[in-house]
Amino acid sequence: MKNPALVNRLKRHLLSAGAITITKIRDKVNAFIMEVVEYFINCLYENKKPTISLEDGLDHVKVMVAIEKSVLEGRPVYLRGIK
């Protein structure tokens, strides 16, 4: 991942709820994905250049999907397996 600051923000976001449950992680994953999607939609709507590339945004969503899949399946999930 090209943006370590975003990864750290994501970690803090996931852990901020205290007790970690699958439901809490799923809710946070979905909220983060929606935040990324809304950001790109707003950039398009306002004709602004995003501060991160579309590729980076997609990479962030893939990380979130991998986190959720890993929690649900109880195993490591590698990004190369996320489409």
Protein backbone atom coordinates (compact mmCIF):
# COMPACT_ATOMS: atom_id res chain seq x y z
CA MET A 1 0.00 0.00 0.00
CA LYS A 2 1.36 3.39 -0.98
CA ASN A 3 -0.18 5.44 1.82
CA PRO A 4 1.08 4.38 5.29
CA ALA A 5 -0.74 7.28 6.96
CA LEU A 6 -4.05 5.94 5.67
CA VAL A 7 -3.20 2.43 6.88
CA ASN A 8 -2.47 3.79 10.36
CA ARG A 9 -5.71 5.78 10.31
CA LEU A 10 -7.56 2.64 9.33
CA LYS A 11 -5.99 0.66 12.17
CA ARG A 12 -6.96 3.35 14.69
CA HIS A 13 -10.46 3.45 13.23
CA LEU A 14 -10.90 -0.32 13.50
CA LEU A 15 -9.60 -0.48 17.05
CA SER A 16 -11.39 2.61 18.38
CA ALA A 17 -14.55 0.70 19.26
CA GLY A 18 -12.91 -1.10 22.17
CA ALA A 19 -14.07 -4.71 22.11
CA ILE A 20 -13.63 -5.99 18.57
CA THR A 21 -16.46 -8.06 17.15
CA ILE A 22 -17.10 -9.20 13.61
CA THR A 23 -20.16 -6.94 13.44
CA LYS A 24 -18.18 -3.90 14.60
CA ILE A 25 -15.39 -4.60 12.14
CA ARG A 26 -17.87 -5.11 9.30
CA ASP A 27 -19.60 -1.83 10.16
CA LYS A 28 -16.28 0.02 10.23
CA VAL A 29 -15.12 -1.62 6.99
CA ASN A 30 -18.34 -0.65 5.26
CA ALA A 31 -18.14 2.90 6.62
CA PHE A 32 -14.57 3.28 5.41
CA ILE A 33 -15.38 1.91 1.95
CA MET A 34 -18.31 4.32 1.69
CA GLU A 35 -16.05 7.19 2.76
CA VAL A 36 -13.61 6.39 -0.08
CA VAL A 37 -16.41 5.99 -2.64
CA GLU A 38 -18.13 9.22 -1.54
CA TYR A 39 -14.82 11.08 -1.73
CA PHE A 40 -14.31 10.07 -5.37
CA ILE A 41 -17.94 10.82 -6.26
CA ASN A 42 -17.63 14.28 -4.71
CA CYS A 43 -14.42 14.92 -6.64
CA LEU A 44 -16.15 13.98 -9.88
CA TYR A 45 -19.23 16.05 -9.06
CA GLU A 46 -17.17 19.11 -8.08
CA ASN A 47 -14.69 18.61 -10.95
CA LYS A 48 -11.78 18.40 -8.50
CA LYS A 49 -8.66 16.29 -8.82
CA PRO A 50 -8.57 13.67 -6.02
CA THR A 51 -5.61 13.86 -3.63
CA ILE A 52 -5.14 10.12 -4.10
CA SER A 53 -5.32 8.22 -7.37
CA LEU A 54 -8.20 5.98 -8.31
CA GLU A 55 -5.76 3.06 -8.16
CA ASP A 56 -4.83 3.97 -4.56
CA GLY A 57 -8.51 4.28 -3.67
CA LEU A 58 -9.16 0.83 -5.11
CA ASP A 59 -6.18 -0.54 -3.17
CA HIS A 60 -7.68 0.85 0.05
CA VAL A 61 -11.01 -0.81 -0.67
CA LYS A 62 -9.20 -4.11 -1.37
CA VAL A 63 -7.49 -3.86 2.03
CA MET A 64 -10.85 -3.34 3.71
CA VAL A 65 -12.37 -6.33 1.89
CA ALA A 66 -9.37 -8.47 2.88
CA ILE A 67 -9.72 -7.41 6.54
CA GLU A 68 -13.39 -8.34 6.61
CA LYS A 69 -12.76 -11.64 4.82
CA SER A 70 -9.90 -12.46 7.19
CA VAL A 71 -12.04 -11.82 10.26
CA LEU A 72 -14.98 -13.82 8.91
CA GLU A 73 -12.84 -16.77 7.82
CA GLY A 74 -10.36 -16.62 10.70
CA ARG A 75 -7.32 -16.78 8.44
CA PRO A 76 -4.88 -14.47 6.69
CA VAL A 77 -6.14 -13.09 3.37
CA TYR A 78 -3.66 -11.80 0.83
CA LEU A 79 -4.40 -8.83 -1.40
CA ARG A 80 -3.43 -10.67 -4.56
CA GLY A 81 -6.50 -12.85 -3.99
CA ILE A 82 -8.89 -9.87 -3.77
CA LYS A 83 -10.47 -8.78 -7.05
